[in-house]
Amino acid sequence: MNIDTPLTILAGMSAKTFYQEYWQKKPLLIRGGAKDIDLPIAADELAGLAMEDEVESRIVIEQGETPWQLLQGPFNEDTFATLPEREWTLLVQAVDHWVPEVQTLKERFHFLPSWRIDDVMVSYATEGGSVGPHYDQYDVFLVQMAGKRRWQVLAPEQYQDSNIEGIKLHILDNFDVDPEQDYELEAGDILYLPPNFAHNGRALDSECMTFSVGFRAPSVQAALQGITDKLCEDINEKNRFAAPEPLERDHHAQIQNSDIEHLRQKLLTLIDSPTELANWLGETMSESKYPEYSAQLNDEELAETFAQAQNGDTFIRPGDARLCYYLNDAESTCTLYCNGNALELDADLVDFIQAICDQEEFDFSGLDLTKHSQLPDTLRFLLQHQAIVALPYEDE
């Protein structure tokens, strides 16, 4: 991708300008960035999705039985029939996992790392509906796909992180409106917010549907713990603390700076491995949000699916597939990560991997599996972990 190319999703702004001026720095209102994208799911279809057992959903009623009443799905028709006329919001998580048409929206954001995208949450709100002022610890694009919503935003230094007590939601109890960050979005408009920018959205009509494209952002502490766990899978008992004794020690009970420096260097040497860091990052960021719904195929299922691929059946990359790769130029290897699993390959296969990540629909009948010795295993790996599935995959 040429980072100087104007992007429709950014209303003509280039990725370079967005990186330099806005990404993880300040909010950006993008007028009409999604105006050419059809609404992937209607409000009544979203409500139907919220009735499914496997779908994560919530309803927030501002003036319910208690202030900011929270209901957890799955719901039924009686739930929706008894809701008030105004001031409630339905939120459905990971709609891109269940509705393939949401892919069109999600893949518009591939000017950013696709492995950072978490999921697409969709909210429907009646007039006045809100989930209260709050902040997220990750980047988010709030895409207005239907109706109108007003967003009021505060920078991290403009609010205190204190919440309303006695409710299940983390809603800020202090939110002074900044007139410089008060936006009214219509269908097709997008509001980008960096991490920790507080925001309060309120529907201006009863057709309001907002698609939230959020990005994964593991904490540094989580990264350290995960990498440590990975490095400690194989412990070298001979690699121990062995600080050289200084010529002078003021007291036998004193820990000296030289002891601390020795330990620091030992730890730095342990984690100073780009391959190990890449493996943790790749496996973690490619983990499926709902792994129970993308279990790997058994040997019999894999053999059948592999035969389908060779026969030219149509395959797609489903919305819940998470793919990324790490190219190790020094070792001429490429590690492919798929739904939390890893496969080390020859770097020559990177073009094939990129094609899988770029396309949504596949016909493998013309693929020459003899072109590279690792190509059959790569295809089996993708099929086994359901990064690509045969149509109609809904019926399988």
Protein backbone atom coordinates (compact mmCIF):
# COMPACT_ATOMS: atom_id res chain seq x y z
CA MET A 1 0.00 0.00 0.00
CA ASN A 2 1.24 3.49 -0.87
CA ILE A 3 0.82 5.48 2.34
CA ASP A 4 0.43 8.71 0.34
CA THR A 5 -2.66 7.45 -1.52
CA PRO A 6 -5.95 9.17 -0.54
CA LEU A 7 -8.25 6.68 1.22
CA THR A 8 -12.04 6.70 0.89
CA ILE A 9 -12.51 5.48 4.48
CA LEU A 10 -10.55 8.57 5.62
CA ALA A 11 -12.54 10.87 3.29
CA GLY A 12 -9.53 11.46 1.07
CA MET A 13 -6.87 11.70 3.75
CA SER A 14 -3.75 9.59 3.22
CA ALA A 15 -2.64 6.92 5.66
CA LYS A 16 0.61 8.85 6.14
CA THR A 17 -1.20 11.98 7.32
CA PHE A 18 -3.42 9.91 9.61
CA TYR A 19 -0.41 8.14 11.18
CA GLN A 20 1.50 11.36 11.71
CA GLU A 21 -1.27 13.59 13.00
CA TYR A 22 -4.01 11.44 14.55
CA TRP A 23 -3.23 7.77 15.23
CA GLN A 24 -3.00 7.36 19.03
CA LYS A 25 -2.71 11.16 19.34
CA LYS A 26 -6.05 12.94 18.91
CA PRO A 27 -9.63 12.36 17.66
CA LEU A 28 -10.61 12.76 14.03
CA LEU A 29 -14.09 13.37 12.61
CA ILE A 30 -14.32 11.81 9.15
CA ARG A 31 -17.32 13.09 7.22
CA GLY A 32 -18.70 10.56 4.73
CA GLY A 33 -15.89 8.05 5.12
CA ALA A 34 -18.32 5.10 5.04
CA LYS A 35 -21.07 6.60 2.88
CA ASP A 36 -20.43 4.11 0.06
CA ILE A 37 -20.81 1.04 2.33
CA ASP A 38 -24.22 -0.61 2.48
CA LEU A 39 -25.73 -1.31 5.89
CA PRO A 40 -24.61 -4.93 6.55
CA ILE A 41 -27.33 -5.78 9.06
CA ALA A 42 -30.70 -4.16 9.86
CA ALA A 43 -31.87 -3.35 13.39
CA ASP A 44 -34.38 -6.19 13.52
CA GLU A 45 -31.72 -8.63 12.27
CA LEU A 46 -29.36 -7.40 14.99
CA ALA A 47 -32.09 -8.07 17.57
CA GLY A 48 -32.48 -11.58 16.13
CA LEU A 49 -28.74 -12.14 16.46
CA ALA A 50 -28.97 -11.09 20.13
CA MET A 51 -31.41 -13.97 20.71
CA GLU A 52 -28.79 -16.58 19.76
CA ASP A 53 -27.12 -18.42 22.64
CA GLU A 54 -23.61 -18.18 21.23
CA VAL A 55 -23.75 -14.41 20.61
CA GLU A 56 -22.53 -11.94 23.26
CA SER A 57 -25.08 -9.15 23.71
CA ARG A 58 -26.24 -6.53 26.22
CA ILE A 59 -29.01 -3.99 26.65
CA VAL A 60 -28.49 -0.76 28.59
CA ILE A 61 -31.56 1.14 29.83
CA GLU A 62 -30.71 4.55 31.23
CA GLN A 63 -33.89 4.84 33.31
CA GLY A 64 -34.73 1.20 33.94
CA GLU A 65 -35.57 -0.58 37.16
CA THR A 66 -32.33 1.00 38.36
CA PRO A 67 -30.30 3.82 36.81
CA TRP A 68 -28.21 2.47 33.91
CA GLN A 69 -29.81 -0.96 34.11
CA LEU A 70 -27.75 -3.65 32.38
CA LEU A 71 -29.38 -6.74 30.84
CA GLN A 72 -27.25 -9.62 29.54
CA GLY A 73 -28.28 -11.70 26.52
CA PRO A 74 -29.32 -13.94 24.97
CA PHE A 75 -32.70 -12.24 24.79
CA ASN A 76 -36.15 -13.28 23.59
CA GLU A 77 -39.06 -11.50 21.95
CA ASP A 78 -40.61 -10.69 25.33
CA THR A 79 -37.46 -8.77 26.30
CA PHE A 80 -37.80 -6.41 23.36
CA ALA A 81 -41.59 -6.14 23.74
CA THR A 82 -41.24 -4.81 27.29
CA LEU A 83 -38.51 -2.23 26.64
CA PRO A 84 -39.38 1.46 27.00
CA GLU A 85 -39.94 3.56 23.87
CA ARG A 86 -36.83 5.66 24.38
CA GLU A 87 -33.37 5.72 25.95
CA TRP A 88 -32.17 2.15 25.59
CA THR A 89 -29.31 0.61 23.62
CA LEU A 90 -28.69 -2.89 22.30
CA LEU A 91 -25.03 -3.86 21.90
CA VAL A 92 -23.90 -7.00 20.07
CA GLN A 93 -20.25 -8.01 20.20
CA ALA A 94 -18.18 -9.44 17.32
CA VAL A 95 -20.88 -9.11 14.66
CA ASP A 96 -18.17 -9.66 12.04
CA HIS A 97 -17.93 -13.25 13.32
CA TRP A 98 -21.55 -13.95 12.48
CA VAL A 99 -22.35 -11.67 9.53
CA PRO A 100 -19.98 -12.06 6.54
CA GLU A 101 -21.15 -8.75 5.03
CA VAL A 102 -19.43 -6.87 7.86
CA GLN A 103 -16.12 -7.90 6.24
CA THR A 104 -16.59 -5.10 3.68
CA LEU A 105 -16.44 -2.52 6.45
CA LYS A 106 -13.69 -4.17 8.49
CA GLU A 107 -11.32 -4.60 5.59
CA ARG A 108 -11.48 -0.90 4.75
CA PHE A 109 -9.24 -0.47 7.80
CA HIS A 110 -6.38 -2.54 6.40
CA PHE A 111 -4.29 0.60 6.12
CA LEU A 112 -3.67 -0.30 9.77
CA PRO A 113 -2.38 -3.72 10.92
CA SER A 114 -5.23 -6.19 10.39
CA TRP A 115 -3.93 -8.33 13.27
CA ARG A 116 -4.62 -5.44 15.63
CA ILE A 117 -8.34 -5.35 14.80
CA ASP A 118 -10.30 -7.00 17.59
CA ASP A 119 -13.86 -7.14 16.34
CA VAL A 120 -16.80 -5.05 15.15
CA MET A 121 -19.38 -4.32 17.83
CA VAL A 122 -22.74 -3.04 16.62
CA SER A 123 -25.12 -0.96 18.69
CA TYR A 124 -28.71 -0.02 17.98
CA ALA A 125 -30.26 2.76 20.06
CA THR A 126 -33.65 4.34 20.31
CA GLU A 127 -33.86 8.13 20.58
CA GLY A 128 -31.88 9.29 23.60
CA GLY A 129 -30.17 5.92 23.98
CA SER A 130 -26.72 5.96 25.57
CA VAL A 131 -24.36 3.71 27.51
CA GLY A 132 -23.02 6.65 29.50
CA PRO A 133 -19.71 8.52 29.42
CA HIS A 134 -16.76 6.12 29.52
CA TYR A 135 -13.33 5.52 28.03
CA ASP A 136 -11.66 2.62 26.24
CA GLN A 137 -8.04 1.56 26.53
CA TYR A 138 -7.72 0.94 22.81
CA ASP A 139 -8.18 2.75 19.50
CA VAL A 140 -11.68 2.71 18.07
CA PHE A 141 -13.43 3.92 14.93
CA LEU A 142 -17.10 4.73 15.60
CA VAL A 143 -18.81 4.28 12.25
CA GLN A 144 -22.31 5.70 11.99
CA MET A 145 -24.12 3.39 9.58
CA ALA A 146 -27.74 4.51 10.16
CA GLY A 147 -29.51 7.34 11.95
CA LYS A 148 -27.75 10.05 13.91
CA ARG A 149 -25.69 10.11 17.09
CA ARG A 150 -24.10 12.89 19.08
CA TRP A 151 -20.65 12.26 20.51
CA GLN A 152 -19.05 14.38 23.19
CA VAL A 153 -15.36 13.74 23.81
CA LEU A 154 -12.83 14.63 26.50
CA ALA A 155 -9.05 14.18 26.40
CA PRO A 156 -7.49 12.08 29.20
CA GLU A 157 -6.42 15.18 31.13
CA GLN A 158 -9.95 16.63 31.02
CA TYR A 159 -11.63 14.10 33.32
CA GLN A 160 -11.00 12.10 36.49
CA ASP A 161 -11.20 8.32 36.38
CA SER A 162 -13.97 7.98 38.95
CA ASN A 163 -17.16 6.09 38.22
CA ILE A 164 -20.77 6.10 39.36
CA GLU A 165 -21.08 3.74 42.31
CA GLY A 166 -23.72 1.07 42.70
CA ILE A 167 -24.11 0.14 39.01
CA LYS A 168 -22.62 -2.66 36.90
CA LEU A 169 -21.21 -0.39 34.21
CA HIS A 170 -18.05 1.71 34.47
CA ILE A 171 -19.62 5.11 33.79
CA LEU A 172 -17.72 8.28 34.63
CA ASP A 173 -19.33 10.41 37.33
CA ASN A 174 -17.65 13.55 35.98
CA PHE A 175 -17.97 14.58 32.36
CA ASP A 176 -17.88 18.27 31.56
CA VAL A 177 -18.75 18.96 27.93
CA ASP A 178 -15.99 20.46 25.81
CA PRO A 179 -17.67 22.46 23.00
CA GLU A 180 -14.56 21.96 20.84
CA GLN A 181 -15.13 18.18 20.93
CA ASP A 182 -18.88 17.95 20.39
CA TYR A 183 -19.79 16.08 17.20
CA GLU A 184 -23.05 15.14 15.48
CA LEU A 185 -22.65 12.17 13.17
CA GLU A 186 -24.96 11.18 10.33
CA ALA A 187 -25.00 7.91 8.39
CA GLY A 188 -21.61 7.44 6.71
CA ASP A 189 -19.65 9.58 9.18
CA ILE A 190 -16.85 8.16 11.33
CA LEU A 191 -15.28 9.33 14.59
CA TYR A 192 -11.81 8.02 15.42
CA LEU A 193 -10.80 8.02 19.10
CA PRO A 194 -7.35 7.16 20.52
CA PRO A 195 -7.06 5.19 23.77
CA ASN A 196 -8.33 6.79 27.00
CA PHE A 197 -10.31 9.59 25.34
CA ALA A 198 -13.60 9.65 27.25
CA HIS A 199 -16.72 9.74 25.09
CA ASN A 200 -20.44 10.01 25.62
CA GLY A 201 -22.69 9.03 22.73
CA ARG A 202 -26.42 9.66 22.56
CA ALA A 203 -28.80 8.64 19.77
CA LEU A 204 -30.63 11.53 18.12
CA ASP A 205 -33.32 9.32 16.57
CA SER A 206 -34.63 5.74 16.75
CA GLU A 207 -32.73 4.56 13.67
CA CYS A 208 -29.29 4.91 15.24
CA MET A 209 -26.83 2.13 14.42
CA THR A 210 -23.13 2.51 15.21
CA PHE A 211 -20.45 0.02 14.20
CA SER A 212 -17.42 0.15 16.51
CA VAL A 213 -14.17 -1.13 15.00
CA GLY A 214 -11.88 -1.72 17.98
CA PHE A 215 -8.19 -2.60 18.05
CA ARG A 216 -6.46 -5.08 20.35
CA ALA A 217 -4.03 -3.50 22.80
CA PRO A 218 -2.57 -5.94 25.34
CA SER A 219 -0.93 -4.28 28.33
CA VAL A 220 2.85 -4.30 28.58
CA GLN A 221 2.49 -6.27 31.83
CA ALA A 222 0.41 -8.90 30.00
CA ALA A 223 3.07 -9.07 27.30
CA LEU A 224 5.82 -9.53 29.88
CA GLN A 225 3.89 -12.25 31.66
CA GLY A 226 3.04 -14.04 28.42
CA ILE A 227 6.58 -13.86 27.06
CA THR A 228 7.95 -15.02 30.42
CA ASP A 229 5.61 -18.01 30.45
CA LYS A 230 6.69 -18.86 26.91
CA LEU A 231 10.41 -18.55 27.69
CA CYS A 232 10.01 -20.66 30.83
CA GLU A 233 8.49 -23.62 28.99
CA ASP A 234 12.05 -24.94 28.62
CA ILE A 235 14.16 -23.99 31.63
CA ASN A 236 17.94 -24.06 31.39
CA GLU A 237 18.89 -25.03 34.94
CA LYS A 238 22.50 -24.08 34.26
CA ASN A 239 21.62 -20.47 33.43
CA ARG A 240 21.58 -19.04 36.94
CA PHE A 241 22.36 -15.92 38.92
CA ALA A 242 26.16 -15.89 39.17
CA ALA A 243 27.28 -12.33 39.77
CA PRO A 244 31.04 -11.88 40.02
CA GLU A 245 32.08 -10.85 43.52
CA PRO A 246 33.25 -7.22 43.77
CA LEU A 247 36.64 -6.65 45.34
CA GLU A 248 35.00 -4.75 48.18
CA ARG A 249 31.58 -5.20 49.79
CA ASP A 250 30.69 -2.79 52.58
CA HIS A 251 28.71 -5.42 54.50
CA HIS A 252 27.97 -9.12 54.00
CA ALA A 253 24.18 -8.44 53.96
CA GLN A 254 24.36 -5.72 51.32
CA ILE A 255 23.00 -6.22 47.78
CA GLN A 256 25.25 -4.13 45.59
CA ASN A 257 24.53 -2.29 42.35
CA SER A 258 26.78 -4.75 40.54
CA ASP A 259 24.49 -7.61 41.64
CA ILE A 260 21.46 -5.81 40.29
CA GLU A 261 23.23 -5.02 37.02
CA HIS A 262 24.19 -8.67 36.61
CA LEU A 263 20.57 -9.77 37.07
CA ARG A 264 19.33 -7.06 34.71
CA GLN A 265 21.70 -8.17 31.98
CA LYS A 266 20.67 -11.81 32.49
CA LEU A 267 17.00 -10.92 32.03
CA LEU A 268 17.65 -8.64 29.06
CA THR A 269 19.63 -11.39 27.35
CA LEU A 270 16.77 -13.82 27.97
CA ILE A 271 14.14 -11.70 26.26
CA ASP A 272 16.45 -10.27 23.58
CA SER A 273 15.08 -12.63 20.94
CA PRO A 274 13.03 -11.12 18.11
CA THR A 275 11.79 -14.60 17.18
CA GLU A 276 10.47 -15.32 20.67
CA LEU A 277 8.83 -11.90 20.87
CA ALA A 278 7.29 -12.39 17.42
CA ASN A 279 5.95 -15.80 18.42
CA TRP A 280 4.25 -14.42 21.51
CA LEU A 281 2.84 -11.45 19.62
CA GLY A 282 1.72 -13.51 16.63
CA GLU A 283 0.06 -16.26 18.65
CA THR A 284 -1.56 -13.82 21.07
CA MET A 285 -2.87 -11.34 18.51
CA SER A 286 -4.16 -14.12 16.27
CA GLU A 287 -6.10 -15.84 19.07
CA SER A 288 -9.75 -16.24 18.19
CA LYS A 289 -12.19 -14.24 20.28
CA TYR A 290 -14.43 -17.30 20.57
CA PRO A 291 -12.14 -20.32 20.06
CA GLU A 292 -14.94 -22.74 20.88
CA TYR A 293 -16.55 -21.86 17.53
CA SER A 294 -13.42 -22.34 15.44
CA ALA A 295 -12.12 -25.67 16.76
CA GLN A 296 -9.57 -27.30 14.48
CA LEU A 297 -10.71 -30.02 12.10
CA ASN A 298 -9.95 -33.63 12.92
CA ASP A 299 -7.95 -35.79 10.48
CA GLU A 300 -11.03 -37.08 8.67
CA GLU A 301 -12.58 -33.61 8.31
CA LEU A 302 -9.25 -32.19 7.14
CA ALA A 303 -8.82 -34.87 4.47
CA GLU A 304 -12.34 -34.22 3.17
CA THR A 305 -11.88 -30.45 3.13
CA PHE A 306 -8.47 -30.72 1.46
CA ALA A 307 -10.06 -32.82 -1.27
CA GLN A 308 -12.74 -30.17 -1.72
CA ALA A 309 -10.04 -27.55 -2.20
CA GLN A 310 -8.29 -29.66 -4.83
CA ASN A 311 -11.62 -30.21 -6.60
CA GLY A 312 -12.18 -26.48 -7.03
CA ASP A 313 -14.97 -25.90 -4.48
CA THR A 314 -15.41 -22.29 -3.42
CA PHE A 315 -13.77 -21.30 -0.16
CA ILE A 316 -13.95 -18.08 1.83
CA ARG A 317 -12.02 -16.49 4.66
CA PRO A 318 -14.64 -16.15 7.45
CA GLY A 319 -14.99 -13.05 9.59
CA ASP A 320 -13.68 -14.75 12.72
CA ALA A 321 -10.43 -15.93 11.08
CA ARG A 322 -7.38 -14.19 12.51
CA LEU A 323 -4.23 -14.32 10.39
CA CYS A 324 -0.83 -12.66 10.54
CA TYR A 325 2.78 -13.54 9.79
CA TYR A 326 6.35 -12.67 10.77
CA LEU A 327 9.05 -12.55 8.12
CA ASN A 328 12.50 -13.32 9.53
CA ASP A 329 14.81 -12.01 6.81
CA ALA A 330 17.93 -13.08 8.69
CA GLU A 331 16.88 -16.75 8.65
CA SER A 332 14.83 -16.65 5.41
CA THR A 333 11.82 -18.00 7.26
CA CYS A 334 8.23 -16.89 7.60
CA THR A 335 6.04 -17.85 10.55
CA LEU A 336 2.31 -17.98 9.83
CA TYR A 337 -0.06 -17.43 12.75
CA CYS A 338 -3.67 -18.55 12.54
CA ASN A 339 -6.22 -18.44 15.36
CA GLY A 340 -3.48 -18.75 17.99
CA ASN A 341 -1.47 -21.44 16.17
CA ALA A 342 1.90 -21.12 14.44
CA LEU A 343 3.57 -22.74 11.42
CA GLU A 344 7.15 -21.99 10.41
CA LEU A 345 7.65 -21.86 6.65
CA ASP A 346 10.15 -20.97 4.00
CA ALA A 347 10.15 -17.22 3.25
CA ASP A 348 9.37 -18.02 -0.40
CA LEU A 349 5.76 -18.70 0.63
CA VAL A 350 5.12 -15.15 1.83
CA ASP A 351 3.35 -14.20 -1.43
CA PHE A 352 0.89 -17.07 -0.97
CA ILE A 353 0.27 -16.03 2.66
CA GLN A 354 -0.31 -12.42 1.64
CA ALA A 355 -2.81 -13.53 -1.01
CA ILE A 356 -4.75 -15.51 1.60
CA CYS A 357 -4.81 -12.45 3.90
CA ASP A 358 -5.87 -10.11 1.07
CA GLN A 359 -8.64 -12.13 -0.56
CA GLU A 360 -12.02 -13.18 0.78
CA GLU A 361 -12.97 -15.90 -1.73
CA PHE A 362 -10.82 -18.69 -3.15
CA ASP A 363 -10.78 -21.36 -5.85
CA PHE A 364 -7.76 -23.62 -5.34
CA SER A 365 -8.31 -25.79 -8.42
CA GLY A 366 -5.58 -23.89 -10.26
CA LEU A 367 -3.10 -24.00 -7.37
CA ASP A 368 -0.05 -26.09 -8.24
CA LEU A 369 0.75 -27.83 -4.95
CA THR A 370 4.03 -29.12 -6.40
CA LYS A 371 5.37 -25.58 -6.79
CA HIS A 372 6.79 -25.66 -3.25
CA SER A 373 7.27 -28.63 -0.93
CA GLN A 374 5.62 -26.81 1.98
CA LEU A 375 2.60 -25.58 0.04
CA PRO A 376 0.37 -28.62 0.75
CA ASP A 377 1.07 -28.42 4.50
CA THR A 378 0.43 -24.67 4.47
CA LEU A 379 -2.95 -25.19 2.86
CA ARG A 380 -3.78 -27.99 5.31
CA PHE A 381 -2.77 -25.73 8.22
CA LEU A 382 -5.13 -22.98 7.02
CA LEU A 383 -7.95 -25.45 6.45
CA GLN A 384 -7.46 -27.29 9.75
CA HIS A 385 -7.62 -24.10 11.80
CA GLN A 386 -10.51 -22.76 9.72
CA ALA A 387 -8.82 -19.66 8.36
CA ILE A 388 -10.48 -20.65 5.09
CA VAL A 389 -13.70 -22.66 4.97
CA ALA A 390 -15.79 -24.21 2.24
CA LEU A 391 -19.11 -22.69 1.24
CA PRO A 392 -21.79 -22.88 2.44
CA TYR A 393 -19.92 -22.71 5.74
CA GLU A 394 -23.06 -21.73 7.68
CA ASP A 395 -24.44 -25.24 7.16
CA GLU A 396 -21.38 -27.09 8.30
